Amino acid sequence: VAVAMNSGTQAAKEAGNMVDLDSSPTKLIEIVQIGKQLLMTRGSLTTF
């Protein structure tokens, strides 16, 4: 999971598979939480 800053260079943005439009280095933690929530939601509703 590679989060490039929108304010960064084109090389960094092309190398990443996500771009943070706010260019906030702490956003990575929030992205991980969103990813885990997606997997949890899918797994929970499948179980249900």
ModelCIF file with pLDDT and N, C-alpha, C, O atoms, coordinates in Angstrom:
data_MODEL
#
_entry.id   MODEL 
#
_entity.id                         1 
_entity.type                       polymer 
_entity.pdbx_number_of_molecules   1 
#
_entity_poly.entity_id                      1 
_entity_poly.type                           'polypeptide(L)' 
_entity_poly.nstd_linkage                   no 
_entity_poly.nstd_monomer                   no 
_entity_poly.pdbx_seq_one_letter_code       VAVAMNSGTQAAKEAGNMVDLDSSPTKLIEIVQIGKQLLMTRGSLTTF 
_entity_poly.pdbx_seq_one_letter_code_can   VAVAMNSGTQAAKEAGNMVDLDSSPTKLIEIVQIGKQLLMTRGSLTTF 
_entity_poly.pdbx_strand_id                 A 
#
loop_
_entity_poly_seq.entity_id 
_entity_poly_seq.num 
_entity_poly_seq.mon_id 
_entity_poly_seq.hetero 
1 1  VAL n 
1 2  ALA n 
1 3  VAL n 
1 4  ALA n 
1 5  MET n 
1 6  ASN n 
1 7  SER n 
1 8  GLY n 
1 9  THR n 
1 10 GLN n 
1 11 ALA n 
1 12 ALA n 
1 13 LYS n 
1 14 GLU n 
1 15 ALA n 
1 16 GLY n 
1 17 ASN n 
1 18 MET n 
1 19 VAL n 
1 20 ASP n 
1 21 LEU n 
1 22 ASP n 
1 23 SER n 
1 24 SER n 
1 25 PRO n 
1 26 THR n 
1 27 LYS n 
1 28 LEU n 
1 29 ILE n 
1 30 GLU n 
1 31 ILE n 
1 32 VAL n 
1 33 GLN n 
1 34 ILE n 
1 35 GLY n 
1 36 LYS n 
1 37 GLN n 
1 38 LEU n 
1 39 LEU n 
1 40 MET n 
1 41 THR n 
1 42 ARG n 
1 43 GLY n 
1 44 SER n 
1 45 LEU n 
1 46 THR n 
1 47 THR n 
1 48 PHE n 
#
_struct_asym.id          A 
_struct_asym.entity_id   1 
#
loop_
_ma_qa_metric.id 
_ma_qa_metric.mode 
_ma_qa_metric.name 
_ma_qa_metric.software_group_id 
_ma_qa_metric.type 
1 global pLDDT . pLDDT 
2 local  pLDDT . pLDDT 
#
_ma_qa_metric_global.metric_id      1 
_ma_qa_metric_global.metric_value   82.79 
_ma_qa_metric_global.model_id       1 
_ma_qa_metric_global.ordinal_id     1 
#
loop_
_ma_qa_metric_local.label_asym_id 
_ma_qa_metric_local.label_comp_id 
_ma_qa_metric_local.label_seq_id 
_ma_qa_metric_local.metric_id 
_ma_qa_metric_local.metric_value 
_ma_qa_metric_local.model_id 
_ma_qa_metric_local.ordinal_id 
A VAL 1  2 89.00 1 1  
A ALA 2  2 88.00 1 2  
A VAL 3  2 87.00 1 3  
A ALA 4  2 84.00 1 4  
A MET 5  2 80.00 1 5  
A ASN 6  2 76.00 1 6  
A SER 7  2 70.00 1 7  
A GLY 8  2 71.00 1 8  
A THR 9  2 71.00 1 9  
A GLN 10 2 71.00 1 10 
A ALA 11 2 74.00 1 11 
A ALA 12 2 78.00 1 12 
A LYS 13 2 78.00 1 13 
A GLU 14 2 78.00 1 14 
A ALA 15 2 82.00 1 15 
A GLY 16 2 82.00 1 16 
A ASN 17 2 85.00 1 17 
A MET 18 2 87.00 1 18 
A VAL 19 2 85.00 1 19 
A ASP 20 2 85.00 1 20 
A LEU 21 2 78.00 1 21 
A ASP 22 2 77.00 1 22 
A SER 23 2 73.00 1 23 
A SER 24 2 75.00 1 24 
A PRO 25 2 66.00 1 25 
A THR 26 2 72.00 1 26 
A LYS 27 2 81.00 1 27 
A LEU 28 2 80.00 1 28 
A ILE 29 2 82.00 1 29 
A GLU 30 2 86.00 1 30 
A ILE 31 2 87.00 1 31 
A VAL 32 2 86.00 1 32 
A GLN 33 2 86.00 1 33 
A ILE 34 2 89.00 1 34 
A GLY 35 2 88.00 1 35 
A LYS 36 2 87.00 1 36 
A GLN 37 2 88.00 1 37 
A LEU 38 2 89.00 1 38 
A LEU 39 2 87.00 1 39 
A MET 40 2 88.00 1 40 
A THR 41 2 91.00 1 41 
A ARG 42 2 90.00 1 42 
A GLY 43 2 89.00 1 43 
A SER 44 2 91.00 1 44 
A LEU 45 2 92.00 1 45 
A THR 46 2 91.00 1 46 
A THR 47 2 91.00 1 47 
A PHE 48 2 93.00 1 48 
#
loop_
_atom_site.group_PDB 
_atom_site.id 
_atom_site.type_symbol 
_atom_site.label_atom_id 
_atom_site.label_alt_id 
_atom_site.label_comp_id 
_atom_site.label_asym_id 
_atom_site.label_entity_id 
_atom_site.label_seq_id 
_atom_site.pdbx_PDB_ins_code 
_atom_site.Cartn_x 
_atom_site.Cartn_y 
_atom_site.Cartn_z 
_atom_site.occupancy 
_atom_site.B_iso_or_equiv 
_atom_site.pdbx_formal_charge 
_atom_site.auth_seq_id 
_atom_site.auth_comp_id 
_atom_site.auth_asym_id 
_atom_site.auth_atom_id 
_atom_site.pdbx_PDB_model_num 
ATOM 1   N N  . VAL A 1 1  ? 0.873   -1.174  0.000   1.00 89.00 ? 1  VAL A N  1 
ATOM 2   C CA . VAL A 1 1  ? 0.000   0.000   0.000   1.00 89.00 ? 1  VAL A CA 1 
ATOM 3   C C  . VAL A 1 1  ? 0.908   1.221   0.000   1.00 89.00 ? 1  VAL A C  1 
ATOM 4   O O  . VAL A 1 1  ? 1.644   1.457   0.958   1.00 89.00 ? 1  VAL A O  1 
ATOM 5   N N  . ALA A 1 2  ? 0.854   1.990   -1.074  1.00 88.00 ? 2  ALA A N  1 
ATOM 6   C CA . ALA A 1 2  ? 1.758   3.128   -1.244  1.00 88.00 ? 2  ALA A CA 1 
ATOM 7   C C  . ALA A 1 2  ? 0.940   4.391   -1.421  1.00 88.00 ? 2  ALA A C  1 
ATOM 8   O O  . ALA A 1 2  ? 0.255   4.564   -2.429  1.00 88.00 ? 2  ALA A O  1 
ATOM 9   N N  . VAL A 1 3  ? 1.016   5.276   -0.429  1.00 87.00 ? 3  VAL A N  1 
ATOM 10  C CA . VAL A 1 3  ? 0.227   6.503   -0.446  1.00 87.00 ? 3  VAL A CA 1 
ATOM 11  C C  . VAL A 1 3  ? 1.144   7.670   -0.808  1.00 87.00 ? 3  VAL A C  1 
ATOM 12  O O  . VAL A 1 3  ? 2.008   8.060   -0.023  1.00 87.00 ? 3  VAL A O  1 
ATOM 13  N N  . ALA A 1 4  ? 0.947   8.219   -2.000  1.00 84.00 ? 4  ALA A N  1 
ATOM 14  C CA . ALA A 1 4  ? 1.745   9.362   -2.448  1.00 84.00 ? 4  ALA A CA 1 
ATOM 15  C C  . ALA A 1 4  ? 1.020   10.654  -2.088  1.00 84.00 ? 4  ALA A C  1 
ATOM 16  O O  . ALA A 1 4  ? -0.207  10.734  -2.149  1.00 84.00 ? 4  ALA A O  1 
ATOM 17  N N  . MET A 1 5  ? 1.797   11.653  -1.717  1.00 80.00 ? 5  MET A N  1 
ATOM 18  C CA . MET A 1 5  ? 1.216   12.954  -1.400  1.00 80.00 ? 5  MET A CA 1 
ATOM 19  C C  . MET A 1 5  ? 0.877   13.700  -2.694  1.00 80.00 ? 5  MET A C  1 
ATOM 20  O O  . MET A 1 5  ? 1.676   13.716  -3.630  1.00 80.00 ? 5  MET A O  1 
ATOM 21  N N  . ASN A 1 6  ? -0.301  14.314  -2.744  1.00 76.00 ? 6  ASN A N  1 
ATOM 22  C CA . ASN A 1 6  ? -0.699  15.087  -3.918  1.00 76.00 ? 6  ASN A CA 1 
ATOM 23  C C  . ASN A 1 6  ? 0.250   16.251  -4.180  1.00 76.00 ? 6  ASN A C  1 
ATOM 24  O O  . ASN A 1 6  ? 0.429   16.679  -5.321  1.00 76.00 ? 6  ASN A O  1 
ATOM 25  N N  . SER A 1 7  ? 0.857   16.759  -3.103  1.00 70.00 ? 7  SER A N  1 
ATOM 26  C CA . SER A 1 7  ? 1.784   17.883  -3.234  1.00 70.00 ? 7  SER A CA 1 
ATOM 27  C C  . SER A 1 7  ? 3.159   17.439  -3.711  1.00 70.00 ? 7  SER A C  1 
ATOM 28  O O  . SER A 1 7  ? 4.013   18.272  -4.013  1.00 70.00 ? 7  SER A O  1 
ATOM 29  N N  . GLY A 1 8  ? 3.373   16.137  -3.779  1.00 71.00 ? 8  GLY A N  1 
ATOM 30  C CA . GLY A 1 8  ? 4.693   15.618  -4.112  1.00 71.00 ? 8  GLY A CA 1 
ATOM 31  C C  . GLY A 1 8  ? 4.975   15.594  -5.601  1.00 71.00 ? 8  GLY A C  1 
ATOM 32  O O  . GLY A 1 8  ? 4.268   16.212  -6.396  1.00 71.00 ? 8  GLY A O  1 
ATOM 33  N N  . THR A 1 9  ? 6.011   14.877  -5.959  1.00 71.00 ? 9  THR A N  1 
ATOM 34  C CA . THR A 1 9  ? 6.448   14.837  -7.350  1.00 71.00 ? 9  THR A CA 1 
ATOM 35  C C  . THR A 1 9  ? 5.584   13.870  -8.159  1.00 71.00 ? 9  THR A C  1 
ATOM 36  O O  . THR A 1 9  ? 4.911   12.995  -7.614  1.00 71.00 ? 9  THR A O  1 
ATOM 37  N N  . GLN A 1 10 ? 5.628   14.058  -9.468  1.00 71.00 ? 10 GLN A N  1 
ATOM 38  C CA . GLN A 1 10 ? 4.886   13.177  -10.353 1.00 71.00 ? 10 GLN A CA 1 
ATOM 39  C C  . GLN A 1 10 ? 5.392   11.747  -10.248 1.00 71.00 ? 10 GLN A C  1 
ATOM 40  O O  . GLN A 1 10 ? 4.608   10.803  -10.341 1.00 71.00 ? 10 GLN A O  1 
ATOM 41  N N  . ALA A 1 11 ? 6.697   11.579  -10.055 1.00 74.00 ? 11 ALA A N  1 
ATOM 42  C CA . ALA A 1 11 ? 7.278   10.240  -9.938  1.00 74.00 ? 11 ALA A CA 1 
ATOM 43  C C  . ALA A 1 11 ? 6.689   9.503   -8.740  1.00 74.00 ? 11 ALA A C  1 
ATOM 44  O O  . ALA A 1 11 ? 6.378   8.315   -8.832  1.00 74.00 ? 11 ALA A O  1 
ATOM 45  N N  . ALA A 1 12 ? 6.535   10.200  -7.622  1.00 78.00 ? 12 ALA A N  1 
ATOM 46  C CA . ALA A 1 12 ? 5.966   9.586   -6.423  1.00 78.00 ? 12 ALA A CA 1 
ATOM 47  C C  . ALA A 1 12 ? 4.505   9.209   -6.658  1.00 78.00 ? 12 ALA A C  1 
ATOM 48  O O  . ALA A 1 12 ? 4.074   8.129   -6.254  1.00 78.00 ? 12 ALA A O  1 
ATOM 49  N N  . LYS A 1 13 ? 3.735   10.094  -7.310  1.00 78.00 ? 13 LYS A N  1 
ATOM 50  C CA . LYS A 1 13 ? 2.321   9.829   -7.545  1.00 78.00 ? 13 LYS A CA 1 
ATOM 51  C C  . LYS A 1 13 ? 2.128   8.651   -8.501  1.00 78.00 ? 13 LYS A C  1 
ATOM 52  O O  . LYS A 1 13 ? 1.186   7.873   -8.351  1.00 78.00 ? 13 LYS A O  1 
ATOM 53  N N  . GLU A 1 14 ? 3.005   8.524   -9.464  1.00 78.00 ? 14 GLU A N  1 
ATOM 54  C CA . GLU A 1 14 ? 2.904   7.416   -10.409 1.00 78.00 ? 14 GLU A CA 1 
ATOM 55  C C  . GLU A 1 14 ? 3.307   6.095   -9.758  1.00 78.00 ? 14 GLU A C  1 
ATOM 56  O O  . GLU A 1 14 ? 2.812   5.037   -10.145 1.00 78.00 ? 14 GLU A O  1 
ATOM 57  N N  . ALA A 1 15 ? 4.200   6.151   -8.773  1.00 82.00 ? 15 ALA A N  1 
ATOM 58  C CA . ALA A 1 15 ? 4.664   4.935   -8.109  1.00 82.00 ? 15 ALA A CA 1 
ATOM 59  C C  . ALA A 1 15 ? 3.648   4.422   -7.096  1.00 82.00 ? 15 ALA A C  1 
ATOM 60  O O  . ALA A 1 15 ? 3.583   3.219   -6.843  1.00 82.00 ? 15 ALA A O  1 
ATOM 61  N N  . GLY A 1 16 ? 2.846   5.325   -6.508  1.00 82.00 ? 16 GLY A N  1 
ATOM 62  C CA . GLY A 1 16 ? 1.894   4.924   -5.479  1.00 82.00 ? 16 GLY A CA 1 
ATOM 63  C C  . GLY A 1 16 ? 0.631   4.332   -6.068  1.00 82.00 ? 16 GLY A C  1 
ATOM 64  O O  . GLY A 1 16 ? 0.316   4.549   -7.238  1.00 82.00 ? 16 GLY A O  1 
ATOM 65  N N  . ASN A 1 17 ? -0.105  3.566   -5.232  1.00 85.00 ? 17 ASN A N  1 
ATOM 66  C CA . ASN A 1 17 ? -1.411  3.080   -5.675  1.00 85.00 ? 17 ASN A CA 1 
ATOM 67  C C  . ASN A 1 17 ? -2.548  3.844   -5.010  1.00 85.00 ? 17 ASN A C  1 
ATOM 68  O O  . ASN A 1 17 ? -3.719  3.519   -5.206  1.00 85.00 ? 17 ASN A O  1 
ATOM 69  N N  . MET A 1 18 ? -2.202  4.860   -4.223  1.00 87.00 ? 18 MET A N  1 
ATOM 70  C CA . MET A 1 18 ? -3.166  5.814   -3.683  1.00 87.00 ? 18 MET A CA 1 
ATOM 71  C C  . MET A 1 18 ? -2.518  7.193   -3.679  1.00 87.00 ? 18 MET A C  1 
ATOM 72  O O  . MET A 1 18 ? -1.297  7.321   -3.581  1.00 87.00 ? 18 MET A O  1 
ATOM 73  N N  . VAL A 1 19 ? -3.352  8.217   -3.787  1.00 85.00 ? 19 VAL A N  1 
ATOM 74  C CA . VAL A 1 19 ? -2.867  9.599   -3.704  1.00 85.00 ? 19 VAL A CA 1 
ATOM 75  C C  . VAL A 1 19 ? -3.684  10.319  -2.639  1.00 85.00 ? 19 VAL A C  1 
ATOM 76  O O  . VAL A 1 19 ? -4.913  10.356  -2.707  1.00 85.00 ? 19 VAL A O  1 
ATOM 77  N N  . ASP A 1 20 ? -2.997  10.890  -1.658  1.00 85.00 ? 20 ASP A N  1 
ATOM 78  C CA . ASP A 1 20 ? -3.657  11.654  -0.604  1.00 85.00 ? 20 ASP A CA 1 
ATOM 79  C C  . ASP A 1 20 ? -3.775  13.103  -1.052  1.00 85.00 ? 20 ASP A C  1 
ATOM 80  O O  . ASP A 1 20 ? -2.774  13.812  -1.152  1.00 85.00 ? 20 ASP A O  1 
ATOM 81  N N  . LEU A 1 21 ? -4.998  13.542  -1.322  1.00 78.00 ? 21 LEU A N  1 
ATOM 82  C CA . LEU A 1 21 ? -5.211  14.887  -1.841  1.00 78.00 ? 21 LEU A CA 1 
ATOM 83  C C  . LEU A 1 21 ? -4.860  15.960  -0.814  1.00 78.00 ? 21 LEU A C  1 
ATOM 84  O O  . LEU A 1 21 ? -4.515  17.083  -1.180  1.00 78.00 ? 21 LEU A O  1 
ATOM 85  N N  . ASP A 1 22 ? -4.949  15.612  0.481   1.00 77.00 ? 22 ASP A N  1 
ATOM 86  C CA . ASP A 1 22 ? -4.625  16.569  1.534   1.00 77.00 ? 22 ASP A CA 1 
ATOM 87  C C  . ASP A 1 22 ? -3.134  16.625  1.834   1.00 77.00 ? 22 ASP A C  1 
ATOM 88  O O  . ASP A 1 22 ? -2.670  17.519  2.541   1.00 77.00 ? 22 ASP A O  1 
ATOM 89  N N  . SER A 1 23 ? -2.383  15.662  1.291   1.00 73.00 ? 23 SER A N  1 
ATOM 90  C CA . SER A 1 23 ? -0.936  15.578  1.536   1.00 73.00 ? 23 SER A CA 1 
ATOM 91  C C  . SER A 1 23 ? -0.633  15.549  3.037   1.00 73.00 ? 23 SER A C  1 
ATOM 92  O O  . SER A 1 23 ? 0.259   16.246  3.521   1.00 73.00 ? 23 SER A O  1 
ATOM 93  N N  . SER A 1 24 ? -1.395  14.726  3.756   1.00 75.00 ? 24 SER A N  1 
ATOM 94  C CA . SER A 1 24 ? -1.211  14.583  5.201   1.00 75.00 ? 24 SER A CA 1 
ATOM 95  C C  . SER A 1 24 ? -0.506  13.269  5.488   1.00 75.00 ? 24 SER A C  1 
ATOM 96  O O  . SER A 1 24 ? -1.062  12.207  5.207   1.00 75.00 ? 24 SER A O  1 
ATOM 97  N N  . PRO A 1 25 ? 0.699   13.307  6.037   1.00 66.00 ? 25 PRO A N  1 
ATOM 98  C CA . PRO A 1 25 ? 1.433   12.064  6.282   1.00 66.00 ? 25 PRO A CA 1 
ATOM 99  C C  . PRO A 1 25 ? 0.720   11.108  7.231   1.00 66.00 ? 25 PRO A C  1 
ATOM 100 O O  . PRO A 1 25 ? 0.939   9.899   7.160   1.00 66.00 ? 25 PRO A O  1 
ATOM 101 N N  . THR A 1 26 ? -0.130  11.626  8.116   1.00 72.00 ? 26 THR A N  1 
ATOM 102 C CA . THR A 1 26 ? -0.827  10.753  9.063   1.00 72.00 ? 26 THR A CA 1 
ATOM 103 C C  . THR A 1 26 ? -2.022  10.049  8.424   1.00 72.00 ? 26 THR A C  1 
ATOM 104 O O  . THR A 1 26 ? -2.633  9.191   9.062   1.00 72.00 ? 26 THR A O  1 
ATOM 105 N N  . LYS A 1 27 ? -2.365  10.382  7.205   1.00 81.00 ? 27 LYS A N  1 
ATOM 106 C CA . LYS A 1 27 ? -3.535  9.804   6.538   1.00 81.00 ? 27 LYS A CA 1 
ATOM 107 C C  . LYS A 1 27 ? -3.407  8.288   6.392   1.00 81.00 ? 27 LYS A C  1 
ATOM 108 O O  . LYS A 1 27 ? -4.412  7.583   6.297   1.00 81.00 ? 27 LYS A O  1 
ATOM 109 N N  . LEU A 1 28 ? -2.178  7.794   6.375   1.00 80.00 ? 28 LEU A N  1 
ATOM 110 C CA . LEU A 1 28 ? -1.957  6.358   6.194   1.00 80.00 ? 28 LEU A CA 1 
ATOM 111 C C  . LEU A 1 28 ? -2.685  5.545   7.261   1.00 80.00 ? 28 LEU A C  1 
ATOM 112 O O  . LEU A 1 28 ? -3.229  4.478   6.974   1.00 80.00 ? 28 LEU A O  1 
ATOM 113 N N  . ILE A 1 29 ? -2.694  6.051   8.489   1.00 82.00 ? 29 ILE A N  1 
ATOM 114 C CA . ILE A 1 29 ? -3.369  5.339   9.573   1.00 82.00 ? 29 ILE A CA 1 
ATOM 115 C C  . ILE A 1 29 ? -4.865  5.253   9.290   1.00 82.00 ? 29 ILE A C  1 
ATOM 116 O O  . ILE A 1 29 ? -5.478  4.206   9.495   1.00 82.00 ? 29 ILE A O  1 
ATOM 117 N N  . GLU A 1 30 ? -5.454  6.353   8.821   1.00 86.00 ? 30 GLU A N  1 
ATOM 118 C CA . GLU A 1 30 ? -6.878  6.369   8.505   1.00 86.00 ? 30 GLU A CA 1 
ATOM 119 C C  . GLU A 1 30 ? -7.189  5.433   7.340   1.00 86.00 ? 30 GLU A C  1 
ATOM 120 O O  . GLU A 1 30 ? -8.230  4.776   7.334   1.00 86.00 ? 30 GLU A O  1 
ATOM 121 N N  . ILE A 1 31 ? -6.298  5.368   6.360   1.00 87.00 ? 31 ILE A N  1 
ATOM 122 C CA . ILE A 1 31 ? -6.500  4.481   5.210   1.00 87.00 ? 31 ILE A CA 1 
ATOM 123 C C  . ILE A 1 31 ? -6.533  3.024   5.660   1.00 87.00 ? 31 ILE A C  1 
ATOM 124 O O  . ILE A 1 31 ? -7.375  2.250   5.205   1.00 87.00 ? 31 ILE A O  1 
ATOM 125 N N  . VAL A 1 32 ? -5.622  2.651   6.548   1.00 86.00 ? 32 VAL A N  1 
ATOM 126 C CA . VAL A 1 32 ? -5.588  1.281   7.066   1.00 86.00 ? 32 VAL A CA 1 
ATOM 127 C C  . VAL A 1 32 ? -6.898  0.967   7.787   1.00 86.00 ? 32 VAL A C  1 
ATOM 128 O O  . VAL A 1 32 ? -7.439  -0.128  7.639   1.00 86.00 ? 32 VAL A O  1 
ATOM 129 N N  . GLN A 1 33 ? -7.406  1.917   8.562   1.00 86.00 ? 33 GLN A N  1 
ATOM 130 C CA . GLN A 1 33 ? -8.660  1.705   9.277   1.00 86.00 ? 33 GLN A CA 1 
ATOM 131 C C  . GLN A 1 33 ? -9.826  1.527   8.304   1.00 86.00 ? 33 GLN A C  1 
ATOM 132 O O  . GLN A 1 33 ? -10.691 0.679   8.522   1.00 86.00 ? 33 GLN A O  1 
ATOM 133 N N  . ILE A 1 34 ? -9.853  2.320   7.237   1.00 89.00 ? 34 ILE A N  1 
ATOM 134 C CA . ILE A 1 34 ? -10.919 2.194   6.233   1.00 89.00 ? 34 ILE A CA 1 
ATOM 135 C C  . ILE A 1 34 ? -10.838 0.830   5.553   1.00 89.00 ? 34 ILE A C  1 
ATOM 136 O O  . ILE A 1 34 ? -11.861 0.183   5.330   1.00 89.00 ? 34 ILE A O  1 
ATOM 137 N N  . GLY A 1 35 ? -9.625  0.394   5.223   1.00 88.00 ? 35 GLY A N  1 
ATOM 138 C CA . GLY A 1 35 ? -9.446  -0.913  4.597   1.00 88.00 ? 35 GLY A CA 1 
ATOM 139 C C  . GLY A 1 35 ? -9.904  -2.042  5.498   1.00 88.00 ? 35 GLY A C  1 
ATOM 140 O O  . GLY A 1 35 ? -10.562 -2.977  5.042   1.00 88.00 ? 35 GLY A O  1 
ATOM 141 N N  . LYS A 1 36 ? -9.561  -1.960  6.773   1.00 87.00 ? 36 LYS A N  1 
ATOM 142 C CA . LYS A 1 36 ? -9.970  -2.999  7.712   1.00 87.00 ? 36 LYS A CA 1 
ATOM 143 C C  . LYS A 1 36 ? -11.477 -2.976  7.916   1.00 87.00 ? 36 LYS A C  1 
ATOM 144 O O  . LYS A 1 36 ? -12.103 -4.028  8.048   1.00 87.00 ? 36 LYS A O  1 
ATOM 145 N N  . GLN A 1 37 ? -12.064 -1.781  7.943   1.00 88.00 ? 37 GLN A N  1 
ATOM 146 C CA . GLN A 1 37 ? -13.510 -1.687  8.095   1.00 88.00 ? 37 GLN A CA 1 
ATOM 147 C C  . GLN A 1 37 ? -14.228 -2.310  6.904   1.00 88.00 ? 37 GLN A C  1 
ATOM 148 O O  . GLN A 1 37 ? -15.258 -2.962  7.073   1.00 88.00 ? 37 GLN A O  1 
ATOM 149 N N  . LEU A 1 38 ? -13.694 -2.117  5.702   1.00 89.00 ? 38 LEU A N  1 
ATOM 150 C CA . LEU A 1 38 ? -14.288 -2.723  4.509   1.00 89.00 ? 38 LEU A CA 1 
ATOM 151 C C  . LEU A 1 38 ? -14.287 -4.239  4.620   1.00 89.00 ? 38 LEU A C  1 
ATOM 152 O O  . LEU A 1 38 ? -15.308 -4.882  4.371   1.00 89.00 ? 38 LEU A O  1 
ATOM 153 N N  . LEU A 1 39 ? -13.139 -4.820  4.996   1.00 87.00 ? 39 LEU A N  1 
ATOM 154 C CA . LEU A 1 39 ? -13.058 -6.280  5.119   1.00 87.00 ? 39 LEU A CA 1 
ATOM 155 C C  . LEU A 1 39 ? -13.963 -6.790  6.238   1.00 87.00 ? 39 LEU A C  1 
ATOM 156 O O  . LEU A 1 39 ? -14.608 -7.829  6.095   1.00 87.00 ? 39 LEU A O  1 
ATOM 157 N N  . MET A 1 40 ? -14.011 -6.052  7.357   1.00 88.00 ? 40 MET A N  1 
ATOM 158 C CA . MET A 1 40 ? -14.883 -6.439  8.469   1.00 88.00 ? 40 MET A CA 1 
ATOM 159 C C  . MET A 1 40 ? -16.348 -6.427  8.061   1.00 88.00 ? 40 MET A C  1 
ATOM 160 O O  . MET A 1 40 ? -17.101 -7.345  8.388   1.00 88.00 ? 40 MET A O  1 
ATOM 161 N N  . THR A 1 41 ? -16.745 -5.387  7.347   1.00 91.00 ? 41 THR A N  1 
ATOM 162 C CA . THR A 1 41 ? -18.145 -5.268  6.936   1.00 91.00 ? 41 THR A CA 1 
ATOM 163 C C  . THR A 1 41 ? -18.532 -6.410  6.010   1.00 91.00 ? 41 THR A C  1 
ATOM 164 O O  . THR A 1 41 ? -19.586 -7.025  6.172   1.00 91.00 ? 41 THR A O  1 
ATOM 165 N N  . ARG A 1 42 ? -17.687 -6.684  5.058   1.00 90.00 ? 42 ARG A N  1 
ATOM 166 C CA . ARG A 1 42 ? -17.980 -7.766  4.112   1.00 90.00 ? 42 ARG A CA 1 
ATOM 167 C C  . ARG A 1 42 ? -18.038 -9.113  4.835   1.00 90.00 ? 42 ARG A C  1 
ATOM 168 O O  . ARG A 1 42 ? -18.943 -9.912  4.592   1.00 90.00 ? 42 ARG A O  1 
ATOM 169 N N  . GLY A 1 43 ? -17.078 -9.360  5.716   1.00 89.00 ? 43 GLY A N  1 
ATOM 170 C CA . GLY A 1 43 ? -17.059 -10.620 6.446   1.00 89.00 ? 43 GLY A CA 1 
ATOM 171 C C  . GLY A 1 43 ? -18.238 -10.766 7.390   1.00 89.00 ? 43 GLY A C  1 
ATOM 172 O O  . GLY A 1 43 ? -18.825 -11.842 7.498   1.00 89.00 ? 43 GLY A O  1 
ATOM 173 N N  . SER A 1 44 ? -18.587 -9.674  8.081   1.00 91.00 ? 44 SER A N  1 
ATOM 174 C CA . SER A 1 44 ? -19.683 -9.730  9.042   1.00 91.00 ? 44 SER A CA 1 
ATOM 175 C C  . SER A 1 44 ? -21.018 -9.996  8.355   1.00 91.00 ? 44 SER A C  1 
ATOM 176 O O  . SER A 1 44 ? -21.804 -10.822 8.820   1.00 91.00 ? 44 SER A O  1 
ATOM 177 N N  . LEU A 1 45 ? -21.275 -9.301  7.251   1.00 92.00 ? 45 LEU A N  1 
ATOM 178 C CA . LEU A 1 45 ? -22.553 -9.477  6.560   1.00 92.00 ? 45 LEU A CA 1 
ATOM 179 C C  . LEU A 1 45 ? -22.613 -10.817 5.824   1.00 92.00 ? 45 LEU A C  1 
ATOM 180 O O  . LEU A 1 45 ? -23.695 -11.374 5.635   1.00 92.00 ? 45 LEU A O  1 
ATOM 181 N N  . THR A 1 46 ? -21.466 -11.327 5.415   1.00 91.00 ? 46 THR A N  1 
ATOM 182 C CA . THR A 1 46 ? -21.445 -12.674 4.825   1.00 91.00 ? 46 THR A CA 1 
ATOM 183 C C  . THR A 1 46 ? -21.816 -13.702 5.891   1.00 91.00 ? 46 THR A C  1 
ATOM 184 O O  . THR A 1 46 ? -22.616 -14.604 5.644   1.00 91.00 ? 46 THR A O  1 
ATOM 185 N N  . THR A 1 47 ? -21.230 -13.558 7.075   1.00 91.00 ? 47 THR A N  1 
ATOM 186 C CA . THR A 1 47 ? -21.556 -14.450 8.189   1.00 91.00 ? 47 THR A CA 1 
ATOM 187 C C  . THR A 1 47 ? -23.038 -14.381 8.524   1.00 91.00 ? 47 THR A C  1 
ATOM 188 O O  . THR A 1 47 ? -23.688 -15.408 8.713   1.00 91.00 ? 47 THR A O  1 
ATOM 189 N N  . PHE A 1 48 ? -23.564 -13.171 8.596   1.00 93.00 ? 48 PHE A N  1 
ATOM 190 C CA . PHE A 1 48 ? -24.985 -12.973 8.913   1.00 93.00 ? 48 PHE A CA 1 
ATOM 191 C C  . PHE A 1 48 ? -25.866 -13.620 7.847   1.00 93.00 ? 48 PHE A C  1 
ATOM 192 O O  . PHE A 1 48 ? -27.092 -13.561 7.939   1.00 93.00 ? 48 PHE A O  1 
#
